[in-house]
Protein backbone atom coordinates (compact mmCIF):
# COMPACT_ATOMS: atom_id res chain seq x y z
CA MET A 1 -51.47 -17.59 11.58
CA LYS A 2 -51.09 -17.69 7.80
CA GLU A 3 -53.12 -14.51 7.50
CA LEU A 4 -50.79 -12.82 9.98
CA GLU A 5 -47.71 -13.98 8.02
CA SER A 6 -49.23 -12.64 4.81
CA ALA A 7 -50.00 -9.29 6.49
CA LEU A 8 -46.44 -9.00 7.77
CA ARG A 9 -44.87 -9.78 4.36
CA PRO A 10 -44.82 -6.13 3.09
CA VAL A 11 -43.06 -5.10 6.28
CA LYS A 12 -40.49 -7.87 5.81
CA ARG A 13 -39.82 -6.82 2.21
CA ARG A 14 -39.31 -3.21 3.21
CA MET A 15 -37.08 -4.23 6.10
CA ARG A 16 -34.99 -6.34 3.72
CA THR A 17 -34.74 -3.52 1.17
CA GLN A 18 -33.81 -0.97 3.81
CA ARG A 19 -31.20 -3.22 5.38
CA THR A 20 -29.70 -4.09 1.98
CA PHE A 21 -29.40 -0.41 1.07
CA ILE A 22 -27.73 0.50 4.38
CA TRP A 23 -25.28 -2.38 4.21
CA ALA A 24 -24.47 -1.52 0.58
CA MET A 25 -23.58 2.02 1.69
CA TYR A 26 -21.30 0.63 4.37
CA GLY A 27 -19.82 -1.67 1.72
CA LEU A 28 -19.17 1.38 -0.46
CA PHE A 29 -17.42 3.03 2.47
CA ALA A 30 -15.31 -0.11 2.99
CA GLY A 31 -14.50 -0.10 -0.74
CA ALA A 32 -13.41 3.54 -0.59
CA VAL A 33 -11.12 2.77 2.35
CA SER A 34 -9.67 -0.18 0.43
CA VAL A 35 -9.03 2.00 -2.64
CA LEU A 36 -7.24 4.53 -0.45
CA LEU A 37 -5.07 1.79 1.05
CA LEU A 38 -4.28 0.36 -2.38
CA ARG A 39 -3.36 3.83 -3.60
CA ALA A 40 -1.03 4.28 -0.62
CA ALA A 41 0.51 0.86 -1.27
CA SER A 42 1.25 1.87 -4.88
CA PHE A 43 3.58 4.56 -3.51
CA VAL A 44 5.64 1.93 -1.68
CA TRP A 45 5.63 -0.99 -4.13
CA ALA A 46 5.44 -1.17 -7.91
CA PHE A 47 1.75 -2.01 -8.35
CA PRO A 48 0.81 -1.66 -12.04
CA THR A 49 -2.66 -3.24 -11.58
CA VAL A 50 -3.72 -0.90 -8.77
CA VAL A 51 -6.45 0.70 -10.90
CA PHE A 52 -7.95 -2.67 -11.80
CA TRP A 53 -8.00 -3.93 -8.22
CA SER A 54 -9.36 -0.62 -6.99
CA LEU A 55 -12.31 -0.90 -9.35
CA VAL A 56 -12.84 -4.54 -8.39
CA THR A 57 -12.82 -3.64 -4.69
CA LEU A 58 -15.12 -0.67 -5.19
CA VAL A 59 -17.69 -2.86 -6.94
CA ALA A 60 -17.25 -6.14 -5.06
CA LEU A 61 -17.47 -4.94 -1.46
CA PRO A 62 -20.86 -3.13 -1.79
CA ALA A 63 -22.20 -6.11 -3.73
CA VAL A 64 -21.02 -8.59 -1.07
CA PHE A 65 -22.41 -6.49 1.77
CA ALA A 66 -25.75 -6.08 -0.03
CA LEU A 67 -26.00 -9.79 -0.84
CA ILE A 68 -25.38 -10.77 2.78
CA ALA A 69 -27.99 -8.26 3.98
CA TRP A 70 -30.57 -9.50 1.49
CA LEU A 71 -30.06 -13.18 2.32
CA TRP A 72 -30.05 -12.68 6.08
CA PRO A 73 -33.43 -14.05 7.32
CA ILE A 74 -36.08 -11.86 8.94
CA THR A 75 -38.36 -13.58 11.44
CA SER A 76 -42.03 -12.83 11.92
CA LEU A 77 -41.32 -11.48 15.38
CA ASP A 78 -38.73 -9.04 13.93
CA ALA A 79 -41.28 -7.86 11.38
CA ALA A 80 -43.91 -7.51 14.12
CA ARG A 81 -41.59 -5.36 16.23
CA GLN A 82 -40.95 -3.13 13.22
CA ALA A 83 -44.67 -2.86 12.51
CA ASP A 84 -45.37 -1.94 16.13
CA ALA A 85 -42.68 0.74 15.87
CA LEU A 86 -44.71 2.27 13.02
CA GLY A 87 -47.66 2.88 15.33
CA LEU A 88 -49.37 -0.46 16.04
CA MET A 89 -48.72 -0.20 19.77
CA ALA A 90 -47.55 -3.83 20.32
CA ARG A 91 -50.53 -5.30 18.45
CA ALA A 92 -48.39 -7.24 15.93
CA GLN A 93 -46.00 -8.67 18.53
CA THR A 94 -48.91 -9.81 20.70
CA ALA A 95 -50.60 -11.46 17.73
CA VAL A 96 -47.41 -13.33 16.78
CA MET A 97 -46.83 -14.53 20.35
CA LEU A 98 -50.49 -15.65 20.62
CA GLY A 99 -50.39 -17.39 17.28
CA GLY A 100 -50.89 -20.87 18.74
CA CYS A 101 -53.74 -19.80 21.02
CA ASP A 102 -57.34 -20.34 19.86
CA THR A 103 -59.28 -18.52 22.55
CA ASP A 104 -61.88 -15.84 21.85
CA MET A 105 -59.56 -13.16 23.24
CA ALA A 106 -56.69 -14.35 21.00
CA ARG A 107 -58.93 -14.36 17.93
CA LEU A 108 -60.16 -10.83 18.67
CA GLN A 109 -56.63 -9.59 19.24
CA ARG A 110 -55.41 -11.20 16.00
CA LYS A 111 -58.31 -9.66 14.07
CA ASP A 112 -57.43 -6.22 15.43
CA ALA A 113 -53.75 -6.71 14.53
CA LEU A 114 -54.62 -7.75 10.98
CA SER A 115 -56.85 -4.72 10.55
CA SER A 116 -54.08 -2.43 11.76
CA LEU A 117 -51.44 -4.06 9.53
CA LYS A 118 -53.58 -3.44 6.45
CA ARG A 119 -53.50 0.29 7.13
CA LEU A 120 -49.66 0.41 7.24
CA GLN A 121 -47.65 1.86 4.33
CA PRO A 122 -44.12 0.48 4.88
CA ALA A 123 -42.64 1.97 1.69
CA ARG A 124 -43.60 5.49 2.78
CA GLN A 125 -43.04 5.11 6.50
CA MET A 126 -39.66 3.33 6.20
CA ALA A 127 -37.63 5.74 4.00
CA LEU A 128 -34.17 4.82 2.66
CA ARG A 129 -31.54 7.05 4.26
CA VAL A 130 -27.77 6.89 3.79
CA PRO A 131 -25.99 6.40 7.14
CA ARG A 132 -24.04 9.48 8.19
CA LEU A 133 -20.83 7.52 8.83
CA ALA A 134 -21.00 5.87 5.40
CA TRP A 135 -21.38 9.00 3.29
CA ILE A 136 -18.98 11.16 5.30
CA GLY A 137 -16.33 8.44 5.33
CA THR A 138 -16.72 7.79 1.61
CA ALA A 139 -16.45 11.50 0.81
CA VAL A 140 -13.25 11.83 2.86
CA CYS A 141 -11.70 8.83 1.10
CA VAL A 142 -12.60 10.25 -2.31
CA VAL A 143 -10.93 13.56 -1.45
CA LEU A 144 -7.78 11.84 -0.18
CA VAL A 145 -7.53 9.66 -3.27
CA GLY A 146 -7.93 12.74 -5.47
CA VAL A 147 -5.19 14.57 -3.59
CA SER A 148 -2.87 11.57 -3.98
CA PHE A 149 -2.89 12.05 -7.76
CA LEU A 150 -1.33 15.49 -7.27
CA ILE A 151 1.69 13.87 -5.57
CA PRO A 152 4.38 12.33 -7.85
CA ASN A 153 4.44 8.56 -7.45
CA PRO A 154 8.00 7.33 -6.82
CA GLN A 155 7.07 3.94 -8.32
CA ALA A 156 6.01 5.37 -11.69
CA GLN A 157 9.43 4.75 -13.28
CA ALA A 158 9.55 1.18 -11.97
CA ILE A 159 6.05 0.52 -13.34
CA ARG A 160 7.03 1.89 -16.76
CA GLU A 161 10.11 -0.32 -16.79
CA GLN A 162 8.05 -3.34 -15.76
CA GLU A 163 5.50 -2.67 -18.49
CA ALA A 164 8.28 -2.29 -21.05
CA PHE A 165 9.80 -5.56 -19.81
CA HIS A 166 6.48 -7.39 -20.13
CA ALA A 167 6.00 -6.02 -23.64
CA GLU A 168 9.52 -7.16 -24.58
CA MET A 169 8.97 -10.63 -23.13
CA MET A 170 5.64 -10.97 -24.96
CA GLU A 171 7.40 -10.09 -28.20
CA GLN A 172 10.17 -12.60 -27.49
CA ALA A 173 7.61 -15.28 -26.63
CA GLN A 174 5.90 -14.68 -29.98
CA LYS A 175 9.25 -15.05 -31.76
CA VAL A 176 9.94 -18.29 -29.87
CA ASP A 177 6.55 -19.65 -30.96
CA GLU A 178 7.24 -18.72 -34.56
CA GLY A 179 10.71 -20.27 -34.36
CA ALA A 180 9.29 -23.49 -32.91
CA THR A 181 6.76 -23.68 -35.75
CA ALA A 182 9.56 -23.19 -38.29
CA LEU A 183 11.57 -26.20 -37.03
CA ASP A 184 12.01 -29.04 -39.49
CA ALA A 185 8.92 -31.21 -39.12
CA GLY A 186 10.79 -34.25 -40.42
CA ALA A 187 13.49 -34.16 -37.73
CA ALA A 188 13.08 -36.75 -34.99
CA GLU A 189 13.90 -34.29 -32.23
CA THR A 190 11.47 -31.58 -33.41
CA PRO A 191 8.44 -32.62 -31.27
CA GLU A 192 10.50 -32.55 -28.09
CA LEU A 193 12.16 -29.27 -29.02
CA ARG A 194 8.80 -27.70 -29.83
CA LYS A 195 7.48 -28.77 -26.44
CA LEU A 196 10.36 -27.21 -24.49
CA LEU A 197 10.20 -24.06 -26.62
CA GLY A 198 6.48 -23.88 -25.90
CA ASP A 199 7.26 -24.15 -22.17
CA LEU A 200 9.82 -21.36 -22.57
CA SER A 201 7.25 -19.18 -24.34
CA GLY A 202 4.76 -19.69 -21.51
CA GLU A 203 7.37 -18.87 -18.85
CA LEU A 204 8.33 -15.68 -20.69
CA ARG A 205 4.71 -14.55 -20.75
CA ARG A 206 4.47 -15.16 -17.00
CA ALA A 207 7.87 -13.67 -16.13
CA GLU A 208 7.65 -10.85 -13.59
CA ASN A 209 11.29 -9.77 -13.79
CA VAL A 210 14.56 -10.39 -15.58
CA ARG A 211 15.52 -13.13 -13.16
CA ASP A 212 12.41 -15.15 -14.05
CA ALA A 213 13.12 -14.77 -17.76
CA LEU A 214 16.78 -15.78 -17.45
CA THR A 215 15.83 -18.74 -15.28
CA ALA A 216 13.40 -19.91 -17.96
CA VAL A 217 16.10 -19.51 -20.63
CA ASP A 218 18.62 -21.46 -18.53
CA THR A 219 16.10 -24.27 -18.04
CA ALA A 220 15.38 -24.44 -21.79
CA GLU A 221 19.08 -24.44 -22.69
CA ARG A 222 19.83 -27.20 -20.20
CA LYS A 223 17.05 -29.30 -21.71
CA VAL A 224 18.40 -28.77 -25.23
CA GLU A 225 21.91 -29.66 -24.08
CA SER A 226 20.52 -32.73 -22.34
CA LEU A 227 18.88 -33.82 -25.59
CA GLU A 228 22.14 -33.30 -27.47
CA ALA A 229 24.11 -35.25 -24.85
CA ARG A 230 21.60 -38.10 -24.98
CA THR A 231 21.81 -38.23 -28.78
CA ALA A 232 25.60 -38.16 -28.76
CA ARG A 233 25.87 -40.88 -26.11
CA ASP A 234 23.43 -43.15 -27.91
CA ALA A 235 25.09 -42.63 -31.32
CA LEU A 236 28.54 -43.49 -29.97
CA ASP A 237 27.22 -46.51 -28.08
CA ALA A 238 25.40 -47.75 -31.19
CA MET A 239 28.56 -47.45 -33.30
CA ARG A 240 30.57 -49.33 -30.72
CA ALA A 241 27.88 -52.00 -30.50
CA ALA A 242 28.07 -52.39 -34.29
CA GLY A 243 31.86 -52.86 -34.21
CA LEU A 244 32.87 -49.31 -35.19
CA ASN A 245 35.02 -48.70 -32.11
CA THR A 246 37.77 -46.84 -33.96
CA LEU A 247 35.33 -44.58 -35.75
CA ALA A 248 33.41 -43.86 -32.54
CA GLN A 249 36.59 -43.06 -30.61
CA SER A 250 37.97 -40.76 -33.29
CA LEU A 251 34.64 -38.91 -33.47
CA GLU A 252 34.55 -38.59 -29.68
CA ASP A 253 38.13 -37.26 -29.66
CA GLY A 254 37.40 -34.87 -32.52
CA ASP A 255 40.06 -36.44 -34.72
CA THR A 256 38.65 -35.75 -38.18
CA LEU A 257 41.53 -37.36 -40.06
CA ALA A 258 41.25 -40.62 -38.14
CA ALA A 259 37.48 -40.64 -38.59
CA GLN A 260 37.89 -40.13 -42.34
CA GLN A 261 40.34 -43.02 -42.51
CA ALA A 262 37.96 -45.23 -40.53
CA LEU A 263 35.18 -44.44 -42.99
CA GLU A 264 37.32 -45.74 -45.84
CA THR A 265 37.51 -49.16 -44.21
CA GLU A 266 35.63 -51.84 -46.11
CA GLY A 267 32.23 -52.74 -44.71
CA THR A 268 31.76 -49.46 -42.86
CA LYS A 269 28.52 -48.71 -44.73
CA GLU A 270 26.89 -51.94 -43.59
CA LEU A 271 28.12 -51.42 -40.04
CA LEU A 272 26.69 -47.90 -40.03
CA SER A 273 23.31 -49.26 -41.14
CA ASP A 274 23.55 -51.81 -38.32
CA ALA A 275 24.43 -49.03 -35.86
CA ALA A 276 21.41 -47.02 -37.01
CA ALA A 277 19.20 -50.03 -36.30
CA LYS A 278 20.74 -50.48 -32.83
CA ALA A 279 20.34 -46.81 -31.81
CA SER A 280 17.50 -46.27 -29.36
CA ASP A 281 17.46 -42.48 -29.79
CA GLN A 282 15.53 -41.54 -32.91
CA THR A 283 17.74 -38.54 -33.66
CA ALA A 284 20.90 -40.65 -33.41
CA ALA A 285 19.34 -43.35 -35.60
CA GLN A 286 18.35 -40.75 -38.17
CA GLN A 287 21.86 -39.26 -38.29
CA LEU A 288 23.56 -42.66 -38.55
CA SER A 289 21.17 -43.75 -41.29
CA ARG A 290 21.86 -40.53 -43.17
CA ALA A 291 25.60 -41.14 -42.88
CA ALA A 292 25.22 -44.67 -44.20
CA GLN A 293 23.21 -43.45 -47.20
CA ALA A 294 25.74 -40.72 -47.96
CA LEU A 295 28.61 -43.20 -47.75
CA ALA A 296 26.78 -45.59 -50.09
CA SER A 297 26.39 -42.71 -52.58
CA GLY A 298 30.09 -41.99 -52.42
CA GLU A 299 29.65 -38.75 -50.47
CA ALA A 300 32.28 -39.38 -47.80
CA ARG A 301 32.42 -35.74 -46.74
CA GLN A 302 28.66 -35.61 -46.21
CA ALA A 303 28.77 -38.88 -44.29
CA LEU A 304 31.54 -37.56 -42.05
CA SER A 305 29.52 -34.41 -41.39
CA ALA A 306 26.45 -36.46 -40.40
CA LEU A 307 28.55 -38.66 -38.09
CA ALA A 308 30.17 -35.62 -36.47
CA ALA A 309 26.72 -34.18 -35.82
CA ALA A 310 25.56 -37.49 -34.36
CA ALA A 311 28.63 -37.76 -32.13
CA SER A 312 28.13 -34.20 -30.81
CA GLY A 313 24.35 -34.51 -30.63
CA GLN A 314 23.94 -31.21 -32.45
CA THR A 315 21.34 -30.96 -35.20
CA ASP A 316 19.90 -28.13 -37.23
CA ALA A 317 16.78 -28.16 -35.06
CA SER A 318 18.70 -28.05 -31.76
CA ALA A 319 20.94 -25.29 -33.14
CA GLN A 320 17.86 -23.26 -34.05
CA ALA A 321 16.41 -23.85 -30.58
CA LEU A 322 19.62 -22.66 -28.94
CA ALA A 323 19.66 -19.63 -31.23
CA LEU A 324 16.14 -18.78 -30.05
CA THR A 325 17.12 -19.11 -26.40
CA GLY A 326 20.20 -16.96 -27.04
CA MET A 327 17.99 -14.30 -28.62
CA VAL A 328 15.74 -14.29 -25.56
CA ARG A 329 18.73 -14.17 -23.21
CA GLY A 330 20.10 -11.13 -25.01
CA ALA A 331 16.74 -9.35 -24.89
CA ALA A 332 16.34 -10.09 -21.17
CA ALA A 333 19.88 -8.95 -20.45
CA ARG A 334 19.31 -5.70 -22.34
CA SER A 335 16.15 -5.08 -20.33
CA GLY A 336 18.08 -5.68 -17.13
CA VAL A 337 20.91 -3.36 -18.15
CA GLN A 338 18.45 -0.62 -19.13
CA SER A 339 16.70 -0.98 -15.79
CA ALA A 340 20.03 -0.81 -13.96
CA GLN A 341 21.09 2.23 -15.97
CA GLY A 342 17.80 3.93 -15.13
CA THR A 343 18.39 3.25 -11.44
CA ILE A 344 21.95 4.55 -11.59
CA ALA A 345 20.85 7.63 -13.54
CA SER A 346 18.12 8.31 -10.99
CA LEU A 347 20.60 7.99 -8.14
CA ALA A 348 23.12 10.16 -9.96
CA HIS A 349 20.47 12.81 -10.62
CA SER A 350 19.50 12.73 -6.96
CA GLY A 351 23.15 13.07 -5.94
CA ALA A 352 23.66 15.94 -8.37
CA GLY A 353 20.68 17.73 -6.91
CA GLN A 354 22.07 17.37 -3.41
CA GLN A 355 25.47 18.58 -4.60
CA GLY A 356 23.88 21.58 -6.28
CA ALA A 357 22.07 22.44 -3.07
CA SER A 358 25.36 22.23 -1.18
CA ASP A 359 27.06 24.51 -3.74
CA GLN A 360 24.31 27.10 -3.43
CA GLU A 361 24.55 26.95 0.32
CA GLY A 362 28.33 27.43 0.13
CA GLN A 363 27.99 30.44 -2.15
CA GLY A 364 25.62 32.09 0.24
CA GLN A 365 28.12 32.03 3.14
CA PRO A 366 31.24 34.16 3.49
CA GLY A 367 34.40 32.14 3.04
CA GLY A 368 32.38 29.15 1.90
CA GLY A 369 34.82 28.09 -0.82
CA ALA A 370 32.84 29.13 -3.91
CA SER A 371 34.99 29.22 -7.05
CA LEU A 372 34.83 30.70 -10.52
CA GLY A 373 37.01 28.76 -12.97
CA SER A 374 38.17 29.23 -16.54
CA SER A 375 39.33 26.80 -19.17
CA ASP A 376 41.62 27.11 -22.15
CA GLY A 377 41.44 24.68 -25.03
CA ASP A 378 43.53 26.19 -27.86
CA GLY A 379 47.00 24.87 -27.83
CA GLY A 380 47.61 24.15 -24.20
CA ALA A 381 48.31 27.74 -23.10
CA ASP A 382 47.04 28.59 -19.61
CA SER A 383 44.83 31.65 -19.83
CA ALA A 384 43.13 31.40 -16.42
CA GLN A 385 43.08 34.76 -14.72
CA PRO A 386 42.88 34.58 -10.94
CA GLY A 387 40.13 36.65 -9.44
CA THR A 388 40.61 39.06 -6.57
CA PRO A 389 40.93 36.84 -3.51
CA VAL A 390 38.75 37.37 -0.50
CA GLN A 391 40.45 37.28 2.86
CA GLY A 392 40.13 33.81 4.39
CA THR A 393 41.30 32.01 7.47
CA ALA A 394 43.20 29.17 5.77
CA SER A 395 45.84 28.94 3.08
CA PRO A 396 44.81 27.81 -0.39
CA GLU A 397 45.54 24.21 -1.15
CA LYS A 398 46.75 23.13 -4.58
CA LYS A 399 46.03 19.75 -6.10
CA VAL A 400 47.55 18.63 -9.40
CA ALA A 401 46.55 15.51 -11.31
CA ASP A 402 47.48 14.17 -14.73
CA TYR A 403 44.78 12.85 -17.03
CA GLU A 404 45.36 11.23 -20.39
CA ALA A 405 42.70 11.39 -23.08
CA ILE A 406 42.01 8.29 -25.16
CA TYR A 407 41.29 10.21 -28.34
CA ASP A 408 41.78 13.97 -28.80
CA PRO A 409 42.17 14.84 -32.51
CA THR A 410 41.20 18.50 -32.11
CA ARG A 411 44.26 19.69 -30.15
CA LEU A 412 46.18 22.44 -31.94
CA GLY A 413 49.30 22.48 -29.81
CA ALA A 414 51.69 19.78 -28.71
CA SER A 415 52.17 20.73 -25.10
CA GLY A 416 48.87 19.45 -23.82
CA GLU A 417 45.99 21.30 -22.22
CA VAL A 418 45.76 22.96 -18.84
CA HIS A 419 42.50 23.42 -16.99
CA SER A 420 42.65 25.58 -13.90
CA GLU A 421 40.06 26.64 -11.35
CA ARG A 422 40.82 29.23 -8.68
CA GLY A 423 38.60 30.00 -5.78
CA GLN A 424 37.63 33.49 -4.76
CA THR A 425 37.80 32.76 -1.05
CA GLY A 426 40.71 31.85 1.13
CA GLU A 427 39.16 28.56 2.15
CA GLY A 428 38.63 27.31 -1.42
CA GLU A 429 40.88 25.03 -3.43
CA ILE A 430 42.90 25.50 -6.59
CA LEU A 431 42.34 22.50 -8.82
CA GLU A 432 44.68 22.00 -11.76
CA ALA A 433 44.58 19.11 -14.24
CA GLN A 434 47.22 18.43 -16.88
CA ALA A 435 45.72 16.62 -19.92
CA GLY A 436 48.14 14.90 -22.26
CA ASN A 437 47.92 14.55 -26.02
CA GLY A 438 46.12 11.23 -25.72
CA ALA A 439 47.01 7.71 -26.62
CA GLY A 440 45.29 7.86 -30.00
CA SER A 441 46.08 9.49 -33.29
CA LEU A 442 44.38 11.68 -35.85
CA GLU A 443 43.79 8.64 -38.09
CA GLY A 444 41.83 6.53 -35.58
CA THR A 445 41.11 5.63 -31.99
CA VAL A 446 42.79 3.49 -29.39
CA PRO A 447 41.69 -0.18 -29.61
CA TYR A 448 38.84 -0.62 -27.14
CA ARG A 449 40.49 -3.64 -25.52
CA GLN A 450 43.26 -1.32 -24.37
CA ALA A 451 40.86 0.91 -22.46
CA LEU A 452 38.31 -1.79 -21.57
CA PRO A 453 39.76 -2.69 -18.12
CA GLN A 454 39.46 0.89 -16.90
CA TYR A 455 35.88 1.19 -18.12
CA ARG A 456 35.00 -2.16 -16.60
CA GLU A 457 36.43 -1.15 -13.23
CA ALA A 458 34.55 2.16 -13.27
CA ALA A 459 31.26 0.46 -14.17
CA VAL A 460 31.66 -2.18 -11.46
CA GLU A 461 32.41 0.50 -8.85
CA ALA A 462 29.37 2.51 -9.99
CA ALA A 463 27.14 -0.54 -9.65
CA GLN A 464 28.49 -1.23 -6.17
CA ASP A 465 28.09 2.41 -5.08
CA ALA A 466 24.49 2.35 -6.32
CA ASP A 467 23.80 -0.59 -4.00
CA LEU A 468 22.30 -2.65 -6.83
CA PRO A 469 21.24 -6.28 -6.26
CA ALA A 470 23.85 -8.98 -6.79
CA TYR A 471 22.27 -10.19 -10.05
CA ALA A 472 22.30 -6.64 -11.46
CA ARG A 473 25.99 -6.25 -10.63
CA GLN A 474 26.55 -9.60 -12.33
CA TRP A 475 25.00 -8.21 -15.53
CA VAL A 476 27.61 -5.46 -15.60
CA GLU A 477 30.46 -7.95 -15.19
CA THR A 478 28.93 -10.29 -17.79
CA TYR A 479 28.60 -7.43 -20.27
CA PHE A 480 32.27 -6.43 -20.02
CA ASN A 481 33.41 -10.06 -20.00
CA ALA A 482 31.54 -10.51 -23.28
CA LEU A 483 33.32 -7.46 -24.75
CA ALA A 484 36.66 -8.90 -23.73
CA GLN A 485 36.07 -12.17 -25.62
């Protein structure tokens, strides 16, 4: 039986190689289909890593299919059937099935099968051929993917904005790391501040959108404020525990004069040293100790400053941390505003294109309301010359509106400016706008706060008309609220 297994081994190897090759071709076909699906998905969703995953799929699927085919076992009976198919006329199968028989007939049959197996050439007789379905399907997928690159991808702008956002967040994360390293190493709160700034840096690097970045900034700011509140609470409690109730209350109320008077009380220096020893928060203890040392040196102003910082919980390190988070917030907000402006501009461009198509369609039809207008800008005199009207079915309709310019230093006359448009067809409209001299002067412009409400209202309406998400509309309102402060 061992001789028969040895004789069937070349057939098994060729069967394994052939099966691995065929399955790899089907894996390549599956990979091509997956690439086509990924390419189609990139037209629906912003998918910046589509090329990477396409390459991974195109390599991984054939490899997985080939590995499974290679590891799948081949029995001796399977190899015998394949050998018989090559011309052995059931000799190999019979020998395998009679393997446990030791009769003269079985031995003769096995000897004949072994002799026939030695004459086989599996490598030549079992050629490697690509399955028709695999190569045709792969070719079709390749053609379709190639054609897809001739079609503009509607997600290209979103991908560019996302890449720009990631680059901005990586830059901000680097600045946060540098700022954390620059914090005073001797400050008690520095290790904790460096840890939360490190967490913020990691979140910025992982942020997928503006909302993720702003959430990370909010979390970092709340942690810094929590540290400051803890320091302030502990400092005030320590002063009260040391018998400095008046000083603690005046600091908590923000009464600088009363706090200065309390510092002048005899024995305050010793009580401050006692309060520093009683403080459980290291930052509070450090600030109270610094105030005691300054008071002992006769620097009452410096001592009062240290106590005010302890009572508010604010330190140089926490202020620097908040400055870093504010920097990141501003960068994230700018990225969000730029993205929103790009969306609005895209929508406006699309709307302008539709309007232009409508205008062309109107000009191509009789009585469609096409108009040729003229404008005069030299002193307010109306120089519009009406064209020869075309007979229409309706009377012209006149609309007059007054508009006031914020700043118009180039006007030559004092009577304002008239813009007039007259249609050439009876169904058109006559639009007339009276522009005043403006609320500004030749020496300067109108203060922006005076015009800010109108701009804010227009921007909010534009954001609502563009059907932007709620957080994007909130950016617009936050921006104008900041201008109003």
